């Protein structure tokens, strides 16, 4: 993947229309599983030598798929101490073979989109969130959209806060 060659998505817009979400760039993904990905060794040995968060996350996702994990979509969130930007992130979309870099602006925590998001429990309490997507979950519009977009690929949705492991 060449992270210096963005796709034709204009900066500071979003594919989902969320007011506090800004896409910084969209890039072509590696686009194929990496069999025998050995993520455990790769992340310690080769991962630190990859300069781009986008490239590292893309390769990690394809390695997980190559190891048999049925990933459809994955996101990596990083909080900031910036007065206007709440966090930065990378979103990996397998069917589109796209990796997006984005910013979340301060104030998004008061929006209906966030308040009705399954990621809220994970972010605020550091607890895993799991849900089977056999029925449309009306309390979480995002899961309904993902279910409609990914069916039949996705049957479960899971959110895990890795930072919760490192809290003292």
N, C-alpha and C. Protein backbone atom coordinates (compact mmCIF):
# COMPACT_ATOMS: atom_id res chain seq x y z
N UNK A 1 0.84 -1.18 0.00
CA UNK A 1 0.00 0.00 0.00
C UNK A 1 0.88 1.23 0.00
N UNK A 2 0.47 2.22 -0.73
CA UNK A 2 1.21 3.47 -0.77
C UNK A 2 0.37 4.55 -0.10
N UNK A 3 0.69 4.85 1.17
CA UNK A 3 -0.09 5.81 1.94
C UNK A 3 0.04 7.23 1.41
N UNK A 4 0.97 7.46 0.51
CA UNK A 4 1.12 8.80 -0.05
C UNK A 4 0.18 9.03 -1.23
N UNK A 5 -0.55 8.03 -1.64
CA UNK A 5 -1.45 8.13 -2.79
C UNK A 5 -2.90 8.00 -2.32
N UNK A 6 -3.53 9.09 -1.84
CA UNK A 6 -4.90 9.00 -1.37
C UNK A 6 -5.88 8.75 -2.51
N UNK A 7 -7.01 8.17 -2.14
CA UNK A 7 -8.09 7.97 -3.10
C UNK A 7 -8.78 9.30 -3.35
N UNK A 8 -9.82 9.30 -4.15
CA UNK A 8 -10.49 10.54 -4.53
C UNK A 8 -11.56 10.99 -3.54
N UNK A 9 -11.31 10.89 -2.24
CA UNK A 9 -12.20 11.42 -1.23
C UNK A 9 -11.61 12.73 -0.76
N UNK A 10 -12.36 13.84 -0.84
CA UNK A 10 -11.79 15.13 -0.43
C UNK A 10 -11.53 15.17 1.07
N UNK A 11 -10.48 15.89 1.53
CA UNK A 11 -10.20 16.00 2.96
C UNK A 11 -11.29 16.79 3.66
N UNK A 12 -11.35 16.61 4.98
CA UNK A 12 -12.30 17.31 5.84
C UNK A 12 -13.75 17.08 5.45
N UNK A 13 -14.05 15.90 4.94
CA UNK A 13 -15.44 15.49 4.72
C UNK A 13 -15.56 14.08 5.27
N UNK A 14 -16.75 13.55 5.26
CA UNK A 14 -16.94 12.22 5.79
C UNK A 14 -17.84 11.42 4.87
N UNK A 15 -17.64 10.13 4.88
CA UNK A 15 -18.50 9.26 4.09
C UNK A 15 -19.83 9.02 4.80
N UNK A 16 -19.87 9.26 6.11
CA UNK A 16 -21.08 8.96 6.87
C UNK A 16 -21.88 10.20 7.25
N UNK A 17 -21.38 11.39 7.02
CA UNK A 17 -22.11 12.61 7.29
C UNK A 17 -22.12 13.05 8.73
N UNK A 18 -21.32 12.47 9.58
CA UNK A 18 -21.28 12.85 10.98
C UNK A 18 -20.61 14.22 11.12
N UNK A 19 -21.22 15.11 11.87
CA UNK A 19 -20.76 16.49 12.00
C UNK A 19 -19.39 16.63 12.65
N UNK A 20 -19.03 15.75 13.56
CA UNK A 20 -17.78 15.87 14.30
C UNK A 20 -16.70 14.91 13.80
N UNK A 21 -16.93 14.32 12.67
CA UNK A 21 -16.00 13.33 12.10
C UNK A 21 -15.39 13.92 10.84
N UNK A 22 -14.07 13.94 10.75
CA UNK A 22 -13.39 14.50 9.59
C UNK A 22 -12.44 13.46 8.99
N UNK A 23 -12.70 13.04 7.77
CA UNK A 23 -11.79 12.13 7.08
C UNK A 23 -10.60 12.93 6.60
N UNK A 24 -9.41 12.51 6.97
CA UNK A 24 -8.18 13.19 6.58
C UNK A 24 -7.61 12.61 5.30
N UNK A 25 -7.89 11.34 5.04
CA UNK A 25 -7.38 10.70 3.84
C UNK A 25 -7.93 9.30 3.73
N UNK A 26 -8.06 8.82 2.51
CA UNK A 26 -8.50 7.45 2.25
C UNK A 26 -7.48 6.83 1.29
N UNK A 27 -7.04 5.63 1.62
CA UNK A 27 -5.95 5.02 0.89
C UNK A 27 -6.33 3.61 0.43
N UNK A 28 -5.73 3.18 -0.66
CA UNK A 28 -5.94 1.83 -1.15
C UNK A 28 -5.25 0.86 -0.21
N UNK A 29 -5.96 -0.16 0.19
CA UNK A 29 -5.45 -1.17 1.11
C UNK A 29 -4.56 -2.17 0.39
N UNK A 30 -3.85 -3.00 1.16
CA UNK A 30 -3.08 -4.10 0.57
C UNK A 30 -4.00 -5.01 -0.23
N UNK A 31 -5.23 -5.22 0.28
CA UNK A 31 -6.26 -5.89 -0.49
C UNK A 31 -6.27 -7.39 -0.52
N UNK A 32 -5.44 -8.07 0.27
CA UNK A 32 -5.45 -9.53 0.27
C UNK A 32 -4.96 -10.06 1.61
N UNK A 33 -5.56 -11.15 2.08
CA UNK A 33 -5.09 -11.75 3.33
C UNK A 33 -3.61 -12.15 3.23
N UNK A 34 -2.94 -12.09 4.35
CA UNK A 34 -1.55 -12.54 4.43
C UNK A 34 -1.56 -13.84 5.21
N UNK A 35 -1.54 -14.99 4.51
CA UNK A 35 -1.60 -16.29 5.19
C UNK A 35 -0.41 -16.48 6.12
N UNK A 36 -0.68 -17.15 7.23
CA UNK A 36 0.38 -17.38 8.20
C UNK A 36 0.92 -16.08 8.75
N UNK A 37 0.01 -15.13 8.99
CA UNK A 37 0.40 -13.77 9.35
C UNK A 37 1.20 -13.64 10.63
N UNK A 38 1.09 -14.59 11.53
CA UNK A 38 1.85 -14.57 12.79
C UNK A 38 1.88 -13.17 13.40
N UNK A 39 0.70 -12.65 13.67
CA UNK A 39 0.57 -11.27 14.16
C UNK A 39 1.37 -11.05 15.43
N UNK A 40 1.41 -12.06 16.31
CA UNK A 40 2.13 -11.90 17.57
C UNK A 40 3.61 -11.57 17.35
N UNK A 41 4.27 -12.27 16.47
CA UNK A 41 5.68 -11.99 16.19
C UNK A 41 5.85 -10.75 15.32
N UNK A 42 4.97 -10.63 14.32
CA UNK A 42 5.08 -9.51 13.39
C UNK A 42 4.96 -8.17 14.11
N UNK A 43 4.01 -8.06 15.04
CA UNK A 43 3.77 -6.77 15.70
C UNK A 43 4.95 -6.35 16.56
N UNK A 44 5.71 -7.33 17.07
CA UNK A 44 6.88 -7.00 17.89
C UNK A 44 8.15 -6.80 17.06
N UNK A 45 8.27 -7.54 15.97
CA UNK A 45 9.51 -7.49 15.19
C UNK A 45 9.45 -6.52 14.02
N UNK A 46 8.43 -6.62 13.19
CA UNK A 46 8.35 -5.79 11.98
C UNK A 46 7.49 -4.55 12.17
N UNK A 47 6.43 -4.67 12.95
CA UNK A 47 5.50 -3.57 13.16
C UNK A 47 6.14 -2.26 13.55
N UNK A 48 7.08 -2.26 14.52
CA UNK A 48 7.71 -0.99 14.93
C UNK A 48 8.52 -0.31 13.83
N UNK A 49 8.87 -1.01 12.78
CA UNK A 49 9.66 -0.43 11.70
C UNK A 49 8.80 0.21 10.61
N UNK A 50 7.48 0.10 10.74
CA UNK A 50 6.57 0.72 9.77
C UNK A 50 6.25 2.12 10.28
N UNK A 51 6.56 3.13 9.51
CA UNK A 51 6.43 4.52 9.95
C UNK A 51 4.99 5.03 9.95
N UNK A 52 4.15 4.49 9.11
CA UNK A 52 2.78 4.99 8.95
C UNK A 52 1.79 4.15 9.76
N UNK A 53 0.98 4.84 10.60
CA UNK A 53 -0.08 4.14 11.35
C UNK A 53 -1.05 3.46 10.40
N UNK A 54 -1.33 4.12 9.29
CA UNK A 54 -2.28 3.59 8.30
C UNK A 54 -1.74 2.28 7.72
N UNK A 55 -0.49 2.28 7.30
CA UNK A 55 0.10 1.08 6.71
C UNK A 55 0.21 -0.04 7.73
N UNK A 56 0.61 0.28 8.95
CA UNK A 56 0.74 -0.75 9.97
C UNK A 56 -0.62 -1.39 10.30
N UNK A 57 -1.65 -0.56 10.45
CA UNK A 57 -2.97 -1.09 10.79
C UNK A 57 -3.53 -1.92 9.65
N UNK A 58 -3.34 -1.46 8.41
CA UNK A 58 -3.79 -2.21 7.24
C UNK A 58 -3.13 -3.60 7.20
N UNK A 59 -1.83 -3.62 7.35
CA UNK A 59 -1.13 -4.91 7.29
C UNK A 59 -1.54 -5.81 8.45
N UNK A 60 -1.71 -5.24 9.65
CA UNK A 60 -2.14 -6.05 10.78
C UNK A 60 -3.51 -6.68 10.53
N UNK A 61 -4.45 -5.91 9.98
CA UNK A 61 -5.78 -6.44 9.70
C UNK A 61 -5.71 -7.58 8.68
N UNK A 62 -4.93 -7.40 7.61
CA UNK A 62 -4.83 -8.46 6.60
C UNK A 62 -4.12 -9.68 7.16
N UNK A 63 -3.19 -9.51 8.10
CA UNK A 63 -2.55 -10.65 8.74
C UNK A 63 -3.56 -11.41 9.60
N UNK A 64 -4.42 -10.67 10.32
CA UNK A 64 -5.46 -11.32 11.12
C UNK A 64 -6.42 -12.12 10.23
N UNK A 65 -6.80 -11.53 9.09
CA UNK A 65 -7.67 -12.24 8.13
C UNK A 65 -6.94 -13.48 7.62
N UNK A 66 -5.65 -13.34 7.32
CA UNK A 66 -4.85 -14.47 6.86
C UNK A 66 -4.73 -15.58 7.88
N UNK A 67 -4.85 -15.22 9.16
CA UNK A 67 -4.83 -16.22 10.24
C UNK A 67 -6.22 -16.77 10.53
N UNK A 68 -7.22 -16.38 9.73
CA UNK A 68 -8.55 -16.96 9.88
C UNK A 68 -9.57 -16.13 10.64
N UNK A 69 -9.23 -14.93 11.09
CA UNK A 69 -10.19 -14.08 11.78
C UNK A 69 -11.09 -13.42 10.74
N UNK A 70 -12.40 -13.59 10.83
CA UNK A 70 -13.30 -13.03 9.80
C UNK A 70 -13.59 -11.55 9.99
N UNK A 71 -12.59 -10.70 9.82
CA UNK A 71 -12.77 -9.26 9.96
C UNK A 71 -13.49 -8.68 8.75
N UNK A 72 -14.42 -7.80 9.00
CA UNK A 72 -15.14 -7.06 7.96
C UNK A 72 -14.74 -5.59 8.01
N UNK A 73 -14.60 -5.09 9.24
CA UNK A 73 -14.30 -3.67 9.48
C UNK A 73 -13.54 -3.60 10.79
N UNK A 74 -12.55 -2.74 10.87
CA UNK A 74 -11.81 -2.56 12.11
C UNK A 74 -11.44 -1.09 12.25
N UNK A 75 -11.39 -0.62 13.49
CA UNK A 75 -10.99 0.76 13.73
C UNK A 75 -9.95 0.81 14.84
N UNK A 76 -9.09 1.77 14.74
CA UNK A 76 -8.07 2.03 15.75
C UNK A 76 -8.27 3.47 16.20
N UNK A 77 -8.52 3.67 17.50
CA UNK A 77 -8.78 5.01 18.03
C UNK A 77 -7.64 5.42 18.95
N UNK A 78 -7.21 6.66 18.87
CA UNK A 78 -6.17 7.20 19.75
C UNK A 78 -6.63 8.54 20.28
N UNK A 79 -6.77 8.66 21.58
CA UNK A 79 -7.19 9.92 22.19
C UNK A 79 -6.07 10.95 22.14
N UNK A 80 -6.46 12.23 22.21
CA UNK A 80 -5.48 13.31 22.20
C UNK A 80 -5.74 14.26 23.37
N UNK A 81 -4.82 15.14 23.60
CA UNK A 81 -4.99 16.20 24.59
C UNK A 81 -5.19 17.55 23.89
N UNK A 82 -5.53 17.52 22.63
CA UNK A 82 -5.71 18.72 21.82
C UNK A 82 -7.03 19.40 22.20
N UNK A 83 -7.07 20.74 22.27
CA UNK A 83 -8.31 21.42 22.67
C UNK A 83 -9.45 21.31 21.65
N UNK A 84 -9.16 21.01 20.39
CA UNK A 84 -10.21 20.93 19.38
C UNK A 84 -10.42 19.51 18.85
N UNK A 85 -9.44 18.65 19.02
CA UNK A 85 -9.51 17.29 18.47
C UNK A 85 -9.57 16.28 19.61
N UNK A 86 -10.64 15.53 19.68
CA UNK A 86 -10.79 14.54 20.75
C UNK A 86 -9.94 13.31 20.49
N UNK A 87 -9.84 12.91 19.22
CA UNK A 87 -9.07 11.72 18.92
C UNK A 87 -8.74 11.60 17.45
N UNK A 88 -7.81 10.69 17.17
CA UNK A 88 -7.41 10.36 15.81
C UNK A 88 -7.71 8.88 15.61
N UNK A 89 -7.85 8.49 14.37
CA UNK A 89 -8.12 7.08 14.14
C UNK A 89 -7.85 6.63 12.73
N UNK A 90 -7.93 5.33 12.59
CA UNK A 90 -7.78 4.67 11.31
C UNK A 90 -8.93 3.67 11.20
N UNK A 91 -9.61 3.67 10.07
CA UNK A 91 -10.71 2.72 9.84
C UNK A 91 -10.36 1.86 8.62
N UNK A 92 -10.44 0.55 8.81
CA UNK A 92 -10.11 -0.43 7.77
C UNK A 92 -11.41 -1.06 7.29
N UNK A 93 -11.66 -1.01 5.99
CA UNK A 93 -12.90 -1.52 5.40
C UNK A 93 -12.56 -2.60 4.38
N UNK A 94 -12.73 -3.85 4.77
CA UNK A 94 -12.31 -4.96 3.93
C UNK A 94 -12.98 -5.01 2.57
N UNK A 95 -14.32 -4.94 2.47
CA UNK A 95 -14.96 -5.08 1.15
C UNK A 95 -14.55 -4.00 0.16
N UNK A 96 -14.31 -2.79 0.66
CA UNK A 96 -13.93 -1.68 -0.22
C UNK A 96 -12.42 -1.64 -0.47
N UNK A 97 -11.67 -2.41 0.33
CA UNK A 97 -10.20 -2.41 0.27
C UNK A 97 -9.66 -0.99 0.42
N UNK A 98 -10.17 -0.34 1.48
CA UNK A 98 -9.84 1.05 1.76
C UNK A 98 -9.45 1.17 3.23
N UNK A 99 -8.49 2.05 3.50
CA UNK A 99 -8.12 2.43 4.86
C UNK A 99 -8.28 3.93 4.94
N UNK A 100 -9.03 4.40 5.95
CA UNK A 100 -9.28 5.83 6.13
C UNK A 100 -8.58 6.33 7.39
N UNK A 101 -8.05 7.52 7.29
CA UNK A 101 -7.49 8.23 8.43
C UNK A 101 -8.50 9.31 8.80
N UNK A 102 -8.79 9.48 10.10
CA UNK A 102 -9.81 10.46 10.47
C UNK A 102 -9.49 11.14 11.79
N UNK A 103 -10.23 12.23 12.04
CA UNK A 103 -10.20 12.96 13.31
C UNK A 103 -11.60 13.02 13.88
N UNK A 104 -11.67 12.94 15.19
CA UNK A 104 -12.93 13.17 15.89
C UNK A 104 -12.77 14.48 16.65
N UNK A 105 -13.66 15.43 16.39
CA UNK A 105 -13.57 16.75 17.02
C UNK A 105 -14.19 16.74 18.41
N UNK A 106 -13.71 17.65 19.26
CA UNK A 106 -14.30 17.82 20.60
C UNK A 106 -15.78 18.15 20.44
N UNK A 107 -16.60 17.66 21.33
CA UNK A 107 -18.03 17.91 21.28
C UNK A 107 -18.82 16.74 20.76
N UNK A 108 -18.17 15.76 20.15
CA UNK A 108 -18.92 14.63 19.59
C UNK A 108 -19.58 13.79 20.67
N UNK A 109 -19.07 13.85 21.90
CA UNK A 109 -19.64 13.04 22.98
C UNK A 109 -21.05 13.48 23.37
N UNK A 110 -21.49 14.64 22.92
CA UNK A 110 -22.83 15.12 23.21
C UNK A 110 -23.81 14.85 22.07
N UNK A 111 -23.33 14.27 20.98
CA UNK A 111 -24.20 14.04 19.82
C UNK A 111 -24.99 12.75 19.98
N UNK A 112 -26.13 12.70 19.32
CA UNK A 112 -26.97 11.51 19.33
C UNK A 112 -26.23 10.31 18.73
N UNK A 113 -25.42 10.58 17.71
CA UNK A 113 -24.64 9.52 17.06
C UNK A 113 -23.75 8.80 18.07
N UNK A 114 -23.08 9.56 18.93
CA UNK A 114 -22.20 8.96 19.94
C UNK A 114 -23.01 8.35 21.08
N UNK A 115 -24.02 9.07 21.56
CA UNK A 115 -24.81 8.58 22.69
C UNK A 115 -25.52 7.26 22.36
N UNK A 116 -25.85 7.04 21.09
CA UNK A 116 -26.52 5.80 20.67
C UNK A 116 -25.55 4.84 19.97
N UNK A 117 -24.26 5.00 20.25
CA UNK A 117 -23.24 4.17 19.62
C UNK A 117 -22.80 3.05 20.56
N UNK A 118 -22.56 1.88 20.02
CA UNK A 118 -22.07 0.78 20.86
C UNK A 118 -20.65 1.01 21.36
N UNK A 119 -19.93 1.90 20.73
CA UNK A 119 -18.55 2.17 21.17
C UNK A 119 -18.54 2.96 22.47
N UNK A 120 -19.65 3.60 22.81
CA UNK A 120 -19.72 4.43 24.01
C UNK A 120 -19.39 3.64 25.28
N UNK A 121 -20.00 2.47 25.44
CA UNK A 121 -19.73 1.65 26.63
C UNK A 121 -18.27 1.27 26.71
N UNK A 122 -17.70 0.96 25.58
CA UNK A 122 -16.30 0.57 25.54
C UNK A 122 -15.41 1.75 25.89
N UNK A 123 -15.68 2.90 25.33
CA UNK A 123 -14.84 4.08 25.57
C UNK A 123 -15.00 4.61 27.00
N UNK A 124 -16.21 4.65 27.51
CA UNK A 124 -16.44 5.26 28.81
C UNK A 124 -16.17 4.32 29.99
N UNK A 125 -16.45 3.03 29.81
CA UNK A 125 -16.27 2.09 30.91
C UNK A 125 -15.11 1.12 30.70
N UNK A 126 -14.56 1.06 29.49
CA UNK A 126 -13.47 0.14 29.23
C UNK A 126 -13.91 -1.31 29.23
N UNK A 127 -15.22 -1.54 29.00
CA UNK A 127 -15.73 -2.91 29.00
C UNK A 127 -16.01 -3.37 27.57
N UNK A 128 -15.82 -4.65 27.32
CA UNK A 128 -16.15 -5.18 25.98
C UNK A 128 -17.65 -5.06 25.72
N UNK A 129 -17.99 -4.90 24.47
CA UNK A 129 -19.39 -4.85 24.04
C UNK A 129 -19.54 -5.89 22.94
N UNK A 130 -20.49 -6.81 23.12
CA UNK A 130 -20.71 -7.85 22.12
C UNK A 130 -22.20 -7.90 21.79
N UNK A 131 -22.49 -8.15 20.52
CA UNK A 131 -23.90 -8.22 20.10
C UNK A 131 -23.98 -9.08 18.85
N UNK A 132 -24.91 -10.02 18.83
CA UNK A 132 -25.21 -10.79 17.62
C UNK A 132 -26.08 -9.93 16.73
N UNK A 133 -25.79 -9.95 15.44
CA UNK A 133 -26.52 -9.09 14.51
C UNK A 133 -27.53 -9.88 13.68
N UNK A 134 -28.17 -10.86 14.30
CA UNK A 134 -29.19 -11.63 13.60
C UNK A 134 -30.48 -10.83 13.45
N UNK A 135 -30.71 -9.91 14.37
CA UNK A 135 -31.87 -9.01 14.31
C UNK A 135 -31.35 -7.58 14.27
N UNK A 136 -32.03 -6.67 13.60
CA UNK A 136 -31.59 -5.27 13.63
C UNK A 136 -31.69 -4.72 15.06
N UNK A 137 -30.60 -4.23 15.64
CA UNK A 137 -30.67 -3.67 16.99
C UNK A 137 -31.12 -2.21 16.96
N UNK A 138 -32.40 -1.92 17.28
CA UNK A 138 -32.93 -0.56 17.14
C UNK A 138 -32.24 0.46 18.03
N UNK A 139 -31.68 0.03 19.16
CA UNK A 139 -31.04 0.98 20.06
C UNK A 139 -29.67 1.44 19.56
N UNK A 140 -29.13 0.77 18.54
CA UNK A 140 -27.82 1.12 17.99
C UNK A 140 -27.92 1.24 16.47
N UNK A 141 -28.23 2.43 15.95
CA UNK A 141 -28.37 2.61 14.50
C UNK A 141 -27.13 2.21 13.71
N UNK A 142 -25.94 2.41 14.27
CA UNK A 142 -24.71 2.03 13.57
C UNK A 142 -24.69 0.53 13.28
N UNK A 143 -25.10 -0.27 14.25
CA UNK A 143 -25.10 -1.72 14.04
C UNK A 143 -26.11 -2.13 12.98
N UNK A 144 -27.23 -1.44 12.91
CA UNK A 144 -28.21 -1.73 11.86
C UNK A 144 -27.62 -1.43 10.49
N UNK A 145 -26.91 -0.29 10.38
CA UNK A 145 -26.28 0.06 9.10
C UNK A 145 -25.20 -0.95 8.72
N UNK A 146 -24.38 -1.34 9.70
CA UNK A 146 -23.33 -2.32 9.41
C UNK A 146 -23.93 -3.67 9.02
N UNK A 147 -24.99 -4.05 9.70
CA UNK A 147 -25.65 -5.32 9.39
C UNK A 147 -26.18 -5.31 7.96
N UNK A 148 -26.80 -4.21 7.57
CA UNK A 148 -27.35 -4.10 6.22
C UNK A 148 -26.25 -4.07 5.17
N UNK A 149 -25.16 -3.39 5.48
CA UNK A 149 -24.07 -3.26 4.53
C UNK A 149 -23.28 -4.56 4.38
N UNK A 150 -23.12 -5.30 5.47
CA UNK A 150 -22.21 -6.45 5.46
C UNK A 150 -22.90 -7.79 5.34
N UNK A 151 -24.17 -7.84 5.50
CA UNK A 151 -24.87 -9.13 5.49
C UNK A 151 -24.56 -9.89 4.21
N UNK A 152 -24.26 -11.16 4.26
CA UNK A 152 -24.19 -12.04 5.43
C UNK A 152 -22.79 -12.17 6.02
N UNK A 153 -21.87 -11.32 5.65
CA UNK A 153 -20.49 -11.44 6.13
C UNK A 153 -20.41 -11.32 7.64
N UNK A 154 -21.12 -10.34 8.19
CA UNK A 154 -20.98 -10.06 9.62
C UNK A 154 -22.18 -10.60 10.38
N UNK A 155 -21.92 -11.39 11.41
CA UNK A 155 -23.01 -11.89 12.24
C UNK A 155 -22.85 -11.45 13.68
N UNK A 156 -21.67 -10.96 14.04
CA UNK A 156 -21.43 -10.49 15.40
C UNK A 156 -20.65 -9.20 15.33
N UNK A 157 -20.86 -8.35 16.34
CA UNK A 157 -20.11 -7.11 16.44
C UNK A 157 -19.47 -7.08 17.80
N UNK A 158 -18.23 -6.67 17.84
CA UNK A 158 -17.50 -6.66 19.10
C UNK A 158 -16.67 -5.41 19.20
N UNK A 159 -16.67 -4.81 20.37
CA UNK A 159 -15.85 -3.64 20.65
C UNK A 159 -15.07 -3.93 21.92
N UNK A 160 -13.77 -3.78 21.85
CA UNK A 160 -12.93 -4.05 23.02
C UNK A 160 -11.99 -2.87 23.21
N UNK A 161 -11.95 -2.37 24.41
CA UNK A 161 -11.05 -1.26 24.73
C UNK A 161 -9.73 -1.83 25.20
N UNK A 162 -8.73 -1.77 24.36
CA UNK A 162 -7.43 -2.30 24.74
C UNK A 162 -6.75 -1.40 25.78
N UNK A 163 -7.08 -0.12 25.74
CA UNK A 163 -6.45 0.77 26.71
C UNK A 163 -6.87 0.42 28.13
N UNK A 164 -8.01 -0.20 28.30
CA UNK A 164 -8.48 -0.61 29.63
C UNK A 164 -7.53 -1.57 30.30
N UNK A 165 -6.81 -2.34 29.52
CA UNK A 165 -5.87 -3.30 30.05
C UNK A 165 -4.70 -2.59 30.72
N UNK A 166 -4.36 -1.40 30.25
CA UNK A 166 -3.19 -0.71 30.74
C UNK A 166 -3.49 0.31 31.84
N UNK A 167 -4.72 0.41 32.26
CA UNK A 167 -5.04 1.35 33.34
C UNK A 167 -4.50 0.82 34.65
N UNK A 168 -4.11 1.73 35.54
CA UNK A 168 -3.59 1.29 36.84
C UNK A 168 -4.67 1.41 37.90
